[in-house]
Amino acid sequence: MLKAEIYIDLERFQGEQSLHDFIMKFLIEQDIAGATSFRAYAGFGRHHRIKRPNELFSFDEPPILITFIDEDQKVRSVAKKLQEYLHGGLIIIQKIETL
């Protein structure tokens, strides 16, 4: 099995819906075995600007992590399809062992 992790900013949109909601619905449509999303406390990307949305007077939106698991070929196929929507996002794929 493989696990994919997708890192995006909360304020990103796909059409008129948030990219986060779009991805979660897309994963359901692709019949992925399981997915979870997390809001980060803080984070930074290639621009090295720390986003800390909980600070007083911060207008930063939190980074989001969406993780999903399934059989190897399915994760690779879905991750490849998602790449076209992630302009600037990041996908990491890891081999996992389930117990």
PDB file of N, CA and C in Angstrom:
ATOM      1  N   MET A   1       0.840  -1.181   0.000  1.00  0.00           N
ATOM      2  CA  MET A   1       0.000   0.000   0.000  1.00  0.00           C
ATOM      3  C   MET A   1       0.884   1.243   0.000  1.00  0.00           C
ATOM      4  N   LEU A   2       0.304   2.317  -0.507  1.00  0.00           N
ATOM      5  CA  LEU A   2       0.989   3.603  -0.532  1.00  0.00           C
ATOM      6  C   LEU A   2       0.154   4.643   0.201  1.00  0.00           C
ATOM      7  N   LYS A   3       0.859   5.646   0.728  1.00  0.00           N
ATOM      8  CA  LYS A   3       0.209   6.806   1.329  1.00  0.00           C
ATOM      9  C   LYS A   3       0.687   8.035   0.573  1.00  0.00           C
ATOM     10  N   ALA A   4      -0.238   8.887   0.199  1.00  0.00           N
ATOM     11  CA  ALA A   4       0.108  10.159  -0.436  1.00  0.00           C
ATOM     12  C   ALA A   4      -0.214  11.282   0.531  1.00  0.00           C
ATOM     13  N   GLU A   5       0.662  12.275   0.577  1.00  0.00           N
ATOM     14  CA  GLU A   5       0.429  13.475   1.374  1.00  0.00           C
ATOM     15  C   GLU A   5       0.414  14.666   0.427  1.00  0.00           C
ATOM     16  N   ILE A   6      -0.619  15.481   0.550  1.00  0.00           N
ATOM     17  CA  ILE A   6      -0.781  16.655  -0.304  1.00  0.00           C
ATOM     18  C   ILE A   6      -0.726  17.889   0.585  1.00  0.00           C
ATOM     19  N   TYR A   7       0.176  18.806   0.272  1.00  0.00           N
ATOM     20  CA  TYR A   7       0.335  20.040   1.041  1.00  0.00           C
ATOM     21  C   TYR A   7      -0.179  21.209   0.195  1.00  0.00           C
ATOM     22  N   ILE A   8      -1.173  21.936   0.743  1.00  0.00           N
ATOM     23  CA  ILE A   8      -1.741  23.089   0.039  1.00  0.00           C
ATOM     24  C   ILE A   8      -2.011  24.204   1.050  1.00  0.00           C
ATOM     25  N   ASP A   9      -2.306  25.386   0.549  1.00  0.00           N
ATOM     26  CA  ASP A   9      -2.754  26.490   1.392  1.00  0.00           C
ATOM     27  C   ASP A   9      -4.277  26.485   1.430  1.00  0.00           C
ATOM     28  N   LEU A  10      -4.844  26.823   2.573  1.00  0.00           N
ATOM     29  CA  LEU A  10      -6.291  26.800   2.735  1.00  0.00           C
ATOM     30  C   LEU A  10      -6.999  27.743   1.769  1.00  0.00           C
ATOM     31  N   GLU A  11      -6.389  28.887   1.445  1.00  0.00           N
ATOM     32  CA  GLU A  11      -7.076  29.887   0.628  1.00  0.00           C
ATOM     33  C   GLU A  11      -7.114  29.558  -0.867  1.00  0.00           C
ATOM     34  N   ARG A  12      -6.543  28.438  -1.271  1.00  0.00           N
ATOM     35  CA  ARG A  12      -6.547  28.055  -2.692  1.00  0.00           C
ATOM     36  C   ARG A  12      -7.934  27.580  -3.118  1.00  0.00           C
ATOM     37  N   PHE A  13      -8.316  27.896  -4.354  1.00  0.00           N
ATOM     38  CA  PHE A  13      -9.623  27.506  -4.886  1.00  0.00           C
ATOM     39  C   PHE A  13      -9.470  26.749  -6.188  1.00  0.00           C
ATOM     40  N   GLN A  14     -10.440  25.881  -6.452  1.00  0.00           N
ATOM     41  CA  GLN A  14     -10.588  25.203  -7.735  1.00  0.00           C
ATOM     42  C   GLN A  14     -11.974  25.596  -8.224  1.00  0.00           C
ATOM     43  N   GLY A  15     -12.023  26.521  -9.169  1.00  0.00           N
ATOM     44  CA  GLY A  15     -13.319  27.051  -9.572  1.00  0.00           C
ATOM     45  C   GLY A  15     -13.887  27.859  -8.422  1.00  0.00           C
ATOM     46  N   GLU A  16     -15.118  27.528  -8.023  1.00  0.00           N
ATOM     47  CA  GLU A  16     -15.765  28.282  -6.952  1.00  0.00           C
ATOM     48  C   GLU A  16     -15.714  27.587  -5.604  1.00  0.00           C
ATOM     49  N   GLN A  17     -15.057  26.432  -5.523  1.00  0.00           N
ATOM     50  CA  GLN A  17     -14.946  25.756  -4.230  1.00  0.00           C
ATOM     51  C   GLN A  17     -13.493  25.709  -3.783  1.00  0.00           C
ATOM     52  N   SER A  18     -13.308  25.551  -2.487  1.00  0.00           N
ATOM     53  CA  SER A  18     -11.937  25.498  -1.984  1.00  0.00           C
ATOM     54  C   SER A  18     -11.229  24.279  -2.571  1.00  0.00           C
ATOM     55  N   LEU A  19      -9.923  24.407  -2.777  1.00  0.00           N
ATOM     56  CA  LEU A  19      -9.140  23.287  -3.308  1.00  0.00           C
ATOM     57  C   LEU A  19      -9.207  22.111  -2.345  1.00  0.00           C
ATOM     58  N   HIS A  20      -9.218  22.397  -1.042  1.00  0.00           N
ATOM     59  CA  HIS A  20      -9.336  21.344  -0.025  1.00  0.00           C
ATOM     60  C   HIS A  20     -10.610  20.518  -0.249  1.00  0.00           C
ATOM     61  N   ASP A  21     -11.760  21.197  -0.372  1.00  0.00           N
ATOM     62  CA  ASP A  21     -13.021  20.480  -0.593  1.00  0.00           C
ATOM     63  C   ASP A  21     -13.010  19.740  -1.923  1.00  0.00           C
ATOM     64  N   PHE A  22     -12.468  20.383  -2.947  1.00  0.00           N
ATOM     65  CA  PHE A  22     -12.378  19.752  -4.259  1.00  0.00           C
ATOM     66  C   PHE A  22     -11.592  18.440  -4.175  1.00  0.00           C
ATOM     67  N   ILE A  23     -10.436  18.475  -3.504  1.00  0.00           N
ATOM     68  CA  ILE A  23      -9.594  17.273  -3.400  1.00  0.00           C
ATOM     69  C   ILE A  23     -10.300  16.181  -2.619  1.00  0.00           C
ATOM     70  N   MET A  24     -10.910  16.528  -1.487  1.00  0.00           N
ATOM     71  CA  MET A  24     -11.601  15.508  -0.686  1.00  0.00           C
ATOM     72  C   MET A  24     -12.735  14.853  -1.496  1.00  0.00           C
ATOM     73  N   LYS A  25     -13.516  15.653  -2.205  1.00  0.00           N
ATOM     74  CA  LYS A  25     -14.596  15.101  -3.043  1.00  0.00           C
ATOM     75  C   LYS A  25     -14.016  14.256  -4.182  1.00  0.00           C
ATOM     76  N   PHE A  26     -12.918  14.728  -4.768  1.00  0.00           N
ATOM     77  CA  PHE A  26     -12.263  13.987  -5.844  1.00  0.00           C
ATOM     78  C   PHE A  26     -11.808  12.614  -5.355  1.00  0.00           C
ATOM     79  N   LEU A  27     -11.241  12.552  -4.146  1.00  0.00           N
ATOM     80  CA  LEU A  27     -10.786  11.280  -3.586  1.00  0.00           C
ATOM     81  C   LEU A  27     -11.957  10.326  -3.354  1.00  0.00           C
ATOM     82  N   ILE A  28     -13.090  10.859  -2.925  1.00  0.00           N
ATOM     83  CA  ILE A  28     -14.292  10.027  -2.772  1.00  0.00           C
ATOM     84  C   ILE A  28     -14.733   9.497  -4.131  1.00  0.00           C
ATOM     85  N   GLU A  29     -14.768  10.367  -5.139  1.00  0.00           N
ATOM     86  CA  GLU A  29     -15.171   9.957  -6.490  1.00  0.00           C
ATOM     87  C   GLU A  29     -14.240   8.890  -7.062  1.00  0.00           C
ATOM     88  N   GLN A  30     -12.965   8.937  -6.677  1.00  0.00           N
ATOM     89  CA  GLN A  30     -11.987   7.964  -7.160  1.00  0.00           C
ATOM     90  C   GLN A  30     -12.009   6.681  -6.338  1.00  0.00           C
ATOM     91  N   ASP A  31     -12.907   6.603  -5.350  1.00  0.00           N
ATOM     92  CA  ASP A  31     -13.080   5.425  -4.506  1.00  0.00           C
ATOM     93  C   ASP A  31     -11.804   5.071  -3.736  1.00  0.00           C
ATOM     94  N   ILE A  32     -11.140   6.110  -3.227  1.00  0.00           N
ATOM     95  CA  ILE A  32      -9.924   5.912  -2.423  1.00  0.00           C
ATOM     96  C   ILE A  32     -10.313   5.258  -1.103  1.00  0.00           C
ATOM     97  N   ALA A  33      -9.450   4.377  -0.601  1.00  0.00           N
ATOM     98  CA  ALA A  33      -9.750   3.611   0.612  1.00  0.00           C
ATOM     99  C   ALA A  33      -9.955   4.494   1.838  1.00  0.00           C
ATOM    100  N   GLY A  34      -9.158   5.562   1.982  1.00  0.00           N
ATOM    101  CA  GLY A  34      -9.313   6.445   3.136  1.00  0.00           C
ATOM    102  C   GLY A  34      -8.510   7.704   2.982  1.00  0.00           C
ATOM    103  N   ALA A  35      -9.019   8.800   3.550  1.00  0.00           N
ATOM    104  CA  ALA A  35      -8.329  10.088   3.491  1.00  0.00           C
ATOM    105  C   ALA A  35      -8.633  10.882   4.753  1.00  0.00           C
ATOM    106  N   THR A  36      -7.683  11.711   5.152  1.00  0.00           N
ATOM    107  CA  THR A  36      -7.839  12.592   6.302  1.00  0.00           C
ATOM    108  C   THR A  36      -7.171  13.913   5.971  1.00  0.00           C
ATOM    109  N   SER A  37      -7.747  15.013   6.465  1.00  0.00           N
ATOM    110  CA  SER A  37      -7.102  16.311   6.268  1.00  0.00           C
ATOM    111  C   SER A  37      -6.816  16.941   7.626  1.00  0.00           C
ATOM    112  N   PHE A  38      -5.737  17.723   7.662  1.00  0.00           N
ATOM    113  CA  PHE A  38      -5.270  18.365   8.886  1.00  0.00           C
ATOM    114  C   PHE A  38      -4.989  19.828   8.608  1.00  0.00           C
ATOM    115  N   ARG A  39      -5.351  20.698   9.554  1.00  0.00           N
ATOM    116  CA  ARG A  39      -4.965  22.104   9.514  1.00  0.00           C
ATOM    117  C   ARG A  39      -3.705  22.264  10.334  1.00  0.00           C
ATOM    118  N   ALA A  40      -2.723  22.905   9.779  1.00  0.00           N
ATOM    119  CA  ALA A  40      -1.441  23.062  10.467  1.00  0.00           C
ATOM    120  C   ALA A  40      -1.457  24.265  11.409  1.00  0.00           C
ATOM    121  N   TYR A  41      -0.648  24.187  12.436  1.00  0.00           N
ATOM    122  CA  TYR A  41      -0.452  25.311  13.360  1.00  0.00           C
ATOM    123  C   TYR A  41       0.417  26.384  12.697  1.00  0.00           C
ATOM    124  N   ALA A  42       1.424  25.928  11.967  1.00  0.00           N
ATOM    125  CA  ALA A  42       2.321  26.850  11.271  1.00  0.00           C
ATOM    126  C   ALA A  42       3.013  26.083  10.152  1.00  0.00           C
ATOM    127  N   GLY A  43       3.553  26.803   9.189  1.00  0.00           N
ATOM    128  CA  GLY A  43       4.283  26.153   8.112  1.00  0.00           C
ATOM    129  C   GLY A  43       4.922  27.170   7.189  1.00  0.00           C
ATOM    130  N   PHE A  44       5.803  26.674   6.338  1.00  0.00           N
ATOM    131  CA  PHE A  44       6.379  27.536   5.307  1.00  0.00           C
ATOM    132  C   PHE A  44       6.716  26.678   4.101  1.00  0.00           C
ATOM    133  N   GLY A  45       6.850  27.323   2.956  1.00  0.00           N
ATOM    134  CA  GLY A  45       7.173  26.639   1.720  1.00  0.00           C
ATOM    135  C   GLY A  45       8.431  27.209   1.103  1.00  0.00           C
ATOM    136  N   ARG A  46       8.501  27.151  -0.205  1.00  0.00           N
ATOM    137  CA  ARG A  46       9.723  27.559  -0.902  1.00  0.00           C
ATOM    138  C   ARG A  46      10.093  29.022  -0.700  1.00  0.00           C
ATOM    139  N   HIS A  47       9.138  29.872  -0.299  1.00  0.00           N
ATOM    140  CA  HIS A  47       9.432  31.291  -0.089  1.00  0.00           C
ATOM    141  C   HIS A  47       9.941  31.571   1.327  1.00  0.00           C
ATOM    142  N   HIS A  48       9.965  30.561   2.168  1.00  0.00           N
ATOM    143  CA  HIS A  48      10.476  30.655   3.534  1.00  0.00           C
ATOM    144  C   HIS A  48       9.823  31.751   4.370  1.00  0.00           C
ATOM    145  N   ARG A  49       8.534  31.960   4.142  1.00  0.00           N
ATOM    146  CA  ARG A  49       7.761  32.900   4.956  1.00  0.00           C
ATOM    147  C   ARG A  49       6.864  32.059   5.857  1.00  0.00           C
ATOM    148  N   ILE A  50       7.074  32.140   7.159  1.00  0.00           N
ATOM    149  CA  ILE A  50       6.296  31.322   8.088  1.00  0.00           C
ATOM    150  C   ILE A  50       4.868  31.831   8.137  1.00  0.00           C
ATOM    151  N   LYS A  51       3.936  30.919   7.942  1.00  0.00           N
ATOM    152  CA  LYS A  51       2.518  31.227   8.081  1.00  0.00           C
ATOM    153  C   LYS A  51       2.088  30.716   9.450  1.00  0.00           C
ATOM    154  N   ARG A  52       1.639  31.645  10.284  1.00  0.00           N
ATOM    155  CA  ARG A  52       1.216  31.304  11.630  1.00  0.00           C
ATOM    156  C   ARG A  52      -0.148  31.950  11.852  1.00  0.00           C
ATOM    157  N   PRO A  53      -1.208  31.321  11.391  1.00  0.00           N
ATOM    158  CA  PRO A  53      -2.524  31.956  11.395  1.00  0.00           C
ATOM    159  C   PRO A  53      -3.113  32.242  12.768  1.00  0.00           C
ATOM    160  N   ASN A  54      -2.572  31.683  13.825  1.00  0.00           N
ATOM    161  CA  ASN A  54      -3.144  31.908  15.147  1.00  0.00           C
ATOM    162  C   ASN A  54      -2.576  33.136  15.843  1.00  0.00           C
ATOM    163  N   GLU A  55      -1.608  33.801  15.222  1.00  0.00           N
ATOM    164  CA  GLU A  55      -1.039  34.995  15.835  1.00  0.00           C
ATOM    165  C   GLU A  55      -2.030  36.155  15.727  1.00  0.00           C
ATOM    166  N   LEU A  56      -1.992  37.019  16.704  1.00  0.00           N
ATOM    167  CA  LEU A  56      -2.851  38.191  16.724  1.00  0.00           C
ATOM    168  C   LEU A  56      -2.611  39.041  15.471  1.00  0.00           C
ATOM    169  N   PHE A  57      -3.665  39.434  14.804  1.00  0.00           N
ATOM    170  CA  PHE A  57      -3.640  40.262  13.600  1.00  0.00           C
ATOM    171  C   PHE A  57      -3.003  39.574  12.400  1.00  0.00           C
ATOM    172  N   SER A  58      -2.945  38.268  12.397  1.00  0.00           N
ATOM    173  CA  SER A  58      -2.403  37.548  11.246  1.00  0.00           C
ATOM    174  C   SER A  58      -3.511  37.306  10.238  1.00  0.00           C
ATOM    175  N   PHE A  59      -3.227  37.580   8.984  1.00  0.00           N
ATOM    176  CA  PHE A  59      -4.182  37.312   7.921  1.00  0.00           C
ATOM    177  C   PHE A  59      -3.819  36.043   7.154  1.00  0.00           C
ATOM    178  N   ASP A  60      -2.821  35.324   7.650  1.00  0.00           N
ATOM    179  CA  ASP A  60      -2.399  34.087   7.004  1.00  0.00           C
ATOM    180  C   ASP A  60      -3.450  32.998   7.169  1.00  0.00           C
ATOM    181  N   GLU A  61      -3.616  32.224   6.137  1.00  0.00           N
ATOM    182  CA  GLU A  61      -4.447  31.034   6.218  1.00  0.00           C
ATOM    183  C   GLU A  61      -3.543  29.859   6.529  1.00  0.00           C
ATOM    184  N   PRO A  62      -4.031  28.888   7.280  1.00  0.00           N
ATOM    185  CA  PRO A  62      -3.160  27.769   7.668  1.00  0.00           C
ATOM    186  C   PRO A  62      -2.847  26.856   6.492  1.00  0.00           C
ATOM    187  N   PRO A  63      -1.663  26.268   6.526  1.00  0.00           N
ATOM    188  CA  PRO A  63      -1.376  25.208   5.557  1.00  0.00           C
ATOM    189  C   PRO A  63      -2.287  24.013   5.850  1.00  0.00           C
ATOM    190  N   ILE A  64      -2.575  23.243   4.836  1.00  0.00           N
ATOM    191  CA  ILE A  64      -3.431  22.062   4.953  1.00  0.00           C
ATOM    192  C   ILE A  64      -2.638  20.850   4.480  1.00  0.00           C
ATOM    193  N   LEU A  65      -2.795  19.742   5.177  1.00  0.00           N
ATOM    194  CA  LEU A  65      -2.229  18.460   4.769  1.00  0.00           C
ATOM    195  C   LEU A  65      -3.393  17.504   4.555  1.00  0.00           C
ATOM    196  N   ILE A  66      -3.470  16.934   3.373  1.00  0.00           N
ATOM    197  CA  ILE A  66      -4.455  15.890   3.072  1.00  0.00           C
ATOM    198  C   ILE A  66      -3.672  14.618   2.816  1.00  0.00           C
ATOM    199  N   THR A  67      -4.000  13.565   3.520  1.00  0.00           N
ATOM    200  CA  THR A  67      -3.311  12.301   3.328  1.00  0.00           C
ATOM    201  C   THR A  67      -4.322  11.240   2.930  1.00  0.00           C
ATOM    202  N   PHE A  68      -3.914  10.373   1.991  1.00  0.00           N
ATOM    203  CA  PHE A  68      -4.807   9.273   1.598  1.00  0.00           C
ATOM    204  C   PHE A  68      -4.000   8.014   1.334  1.00  0.00           C
ATOM    205  N   ILE A  69      -4.667   6.871   1.508  1.00  0.00           N
ATOM    206  CA  ILE A  69      -4.012   5.573   1.313  1.00  0.00           C
ATOM    207  C   ILE A  69      -4.860   4.686   0.404  1.00  0.00           C
ATOM    208  N   ASP A  70      -4.174   3.806  -0.293  1.00  0.00           N
ATOM    209  CA  ASP A  70      -4.832   2.799  -1.117  1.00  0.00           C
ATOM    210  C   ASP A  70      -3.748   1.918  -1.725  1.00  0.00           C
ATOM    211  N   GLU A  71      -4.163   1.057  -2.617  1.00  0.00           N
ATOM    212  CA  GLU A  71      -3.225   0.188  -3.330  1.00  0.00           C
ATOM    213  C   GLU A  71      -2.273   1.037  -4.176  1.00  0.00           C
ATOM    214  N   ASP A  72      -1.073   0.526  -4.389  1.00  0.00           N
ATOM    215  CA  ASP A  72      -0.002   1.281  -5.051  1.00  0.00           C
ATOM    216  C   ASP A  72      -0.440   1.963  -6.351  1.00  0.00           C
ATOM    217  N   GLN A  73      -0.965   1.183  -7.275  1.00  0.00           N
ATOM    218  CA  GLN A  73      -1.311   1.726  -8.591  1.00  0.00           C
ATOM    219  C   GLN A  73      -2.399   2.789  -8.496  1.00  0.00           C
ATOM    220  N   LYS A  74      -3.350   2.593  -7.613  1.00  0.00           N
ATOM    221  CA  LYS A  74      -4.448   3.553  -7.464  1.00  0.00           C
ATOM    222  C   LYS A  74      -3.929   4.884  -6.910  1.00  0.00           C
ATOM    223  N   VAL A  75      -3.063   4.835  -5.893  1.00  0.00           N
ATOM    224  CA  VAL A  75      -2.508   6.063  -5.323  1.00  0.00           C
ATOM    225  C   VAL A  75      -1.706   6.807  -6.377  1.00  0.00           C
ATOM    226  N   ARG A  76      -0.875   6.096  -7.128  1.00  0.00           N
ATOM    227  CA  ARG A  76      -0.068   6.751  -8.165  1.00  0.00           C
ATOM    228  C   ARG A  76      -0.949   7.383  -9.245  1.00  0.00           C
ATOM    229  N   SER A  77      -1.992   6.681  -9.649  1.00  0.00           N
ATOM    230  CA  SER A  77      -2.894   7.184 -10.680  1.00  0.00           C
ATOM    231  C   SER A  77      -3.640   8.438 -10.209  1.00  0.00           C
ATOM    232  N   VAL A  78      -4.178   8.388  -9.001  1.00  0.00           N
ATOM    233  CA  VAL A  78      -4.924   9.532  -8.466  1.00  0.00           C
ATOM    234  C   VAL A  78      -3.988  10.717  -8.236  1.00  0.00           C
ATOM    235  N   ALA A  79      -2.799  10.482  -7.705  1.00  0.00           N
ATOM    236  CA  ALA A  79      -1.835  11.563  -7.476  1.00  0.00           C
ATOM    237  C   ALA A  79      -1.476  12.243  -8.797  1.00  0.00           C
ATOM    238  N   LYS A  80      -1.309  11.457  -9.832  1.00  0.00           N
ATOM    239  CA  LYS A  80      -0.986  12.027 -11.153  1.00  0.00           C
ATOM    240  C   LYS A  80      -2.130  12.908 -11.654  1.00  0.00           C
ATOM    241  N   LYS A  81      -3.374  12.454 -11.481  1.00  0.00           N
ATOM    242  CA  LYS A  81      -4.541  13.256 -11.890  1.00  0.00           C
ATOM    243  C   LYS A  81      -4.622  14.550 -11.085  1.00  0.00           C
ATOM    244  N   LEU A  82      -4.295  14.488  -9.800  1.00  0.00           N
ATOM    245  CA  LEU A  82      -4.392  15.662  -8.935  1.00  0.00           C
ATOM    246  C   LEU A  82      -3.337  16.716  -9.254  1.00  0.00           C
ATOM    247  N   GLN A  83      -2.210  16.327  -9.816  1.00  0.00           N
ATOM    248  CA  GLN A  83      -1.121  17.272 -10.098  1.00  0.00           C
ATOM    249  C   GLN A  83      -1.577  18.467 -10.920  1.00  0.00           C
ATOM    250  N   GLU A  84      -2.528  18.280 -11.818  1.00  0.00           N
ATOM    251  CA  GLU A  84      -2.954  19.390 -12.669  1.00  0.00           C
ATOM    252  C   GLU A  84      -3.718  20.464 -11.893  1.00  0.00           C
ATOM    253  N   TYR A  85      -4.181  20.168 -10.679  1.00  0.00           N
ATOM    254  CA  TYR A  85      -4.926  21.136  -9.875  1.00  0.00           C
ATOM    255  C   TYR A  85      -4.073  21.786  -8.791  1.00  0.00           C
ATOM    256  N   LEU A  86      -2.850  21.342  -8.599  1.00  0.00           N
ATOM    257  CA  LEU A  86      -2.057  21.751  -7.448  1.00  0.00           C
ATOM    258  C   LEU A  86      -1.010  22.802  -7.743  1.00  0.00           C
ATOM    259  N   HIS A  87      -1.190  23.641  -8.661  1.00  0.00           N
ATOM    260  CA  HIS A  87      -0.205  24.655  -9.042  1.00  0.00           C
ATOM    261  C   HIS A  87       0.482  25.222  -7.798  1.00  0.00           C
ATOM    262  N   GLY A  88       1.650  24.723  -7.483  1.00  0.00           N
ATOM    263  CA  GLY A  88       2.383  25.172  -6.310  1.00  0.00           C
ATOM    264  C   GLY A  88       2.230  24.260  -5.108  1.00  0.00           C
ATOM    265  N   GLY A  89       1.296  23.330  -5.146  1.00  0.00           N
ATOM    266  CA  GLY A  89       1.147  22.374  -4.047  1.00  0.00           C
ATOM    267  C   GLY A  89       2.198  21.278  -4.165  1.00  0.00           C
ATOM    268  N   LEU A  90       2.226  20.397  -3.214  1.00  0.00           N
ATOM    269  CA  LEU A  90       3.231  19.343  -3.171  1.00  0.00           C
ATOM    270  C   LEU A  90       2.567  18.018  -2.835  1.00  0.00           C
ATOM    271  N   ILE A  91       2.952  16.950  -3.544  1.00  0.00           N
ATOM    272  CA  ILE A  91       2.475  15.601  -3.241  1.00  0.00           C
ATOM    273  C   ILE A  91       3.682  14.730  -2.938  1.00  0.00           C
ATOM    274  N   ILE A  92       3.619  14.029  -1.819  1.00  0.00           N
ATOM    275  CA  ILE A  92       4.659  13.082  -1.430  1.00  0.00           C
ATOM    276  C   ILE A  92       4.012  11.709  -1.332  1.00  0.00           C
ATOM    277  N   ILE A  93       4.661  10.692  -1.893  1.00  0.00           N
ATOM    278  CA  ILE A  93       4.133   9.320  -1.845  1.00  0.00           C
ATOM    279  C   ILE A  93       5.126   8.448  -1.086  1.00  0.00           C
ATOM    280  N   GLN A  94       4.597   7.655  -0.156  1.00  0.00           N
ATOM    281  CA  GLN A  94       5.419   6.779   0.675  1.00  0.00           C
ATOM    282  C   GLN A  94       4.836   5.377   0.706  1.00  0.00           C
ATOM    283  N   LYS A  95       5.691   4.400   0.757  1.00  0.00           N
ATOM    284  CA  LYS A  95       5.295   3.003   0.945  1.00  0.00           C
ATOM    285  C   LYS A  95       4.921   2.837   2.419  1.00  0.00           C
ATOM    286  N   ILE A  96       3.800   2.166   2.690  1.00  0.00           N
ATOM    287  CA  ILE A  96       3.388   1.937   4.075  1.00  0.00           C
ATOM    288  C   ILE A  96       3.096   0.449   4.287  1.00  0.00           C
ATOM    289  N   GLU A  97       3.082   0.087   5.535  1.00  0.00           N
ATOM    290  CA  GLU A  97       2.731  -1.270   5.921  1.00  0.00           C
ATOM    291  C   GLU A  97       1.543  -1.163   6.871  1.00  0.00           C
ATOM    292  N   THR A  98       0.464  -1.842   6.576  1.00  0.00           N
ATOM    293  CA  THR A  98      -0.702  -1.802   7.462  1.00  0.00           C
ATOM    294  C   THR A  98      -0.698  -3.020   8.366  1.00  0.00           C
ATOM    295  N   LEU A  99      -1.160  -2.856   9.564  1.00  0.00           N
ATOM    296  CA  LEU A  99      -1.202  -3.942  10.536  1.00  0.00           C
ATOM    297  C   LEU A  99      -2.623  -4.391  10.772  1.00  0.00           C
TER     298      LEU A  99
END
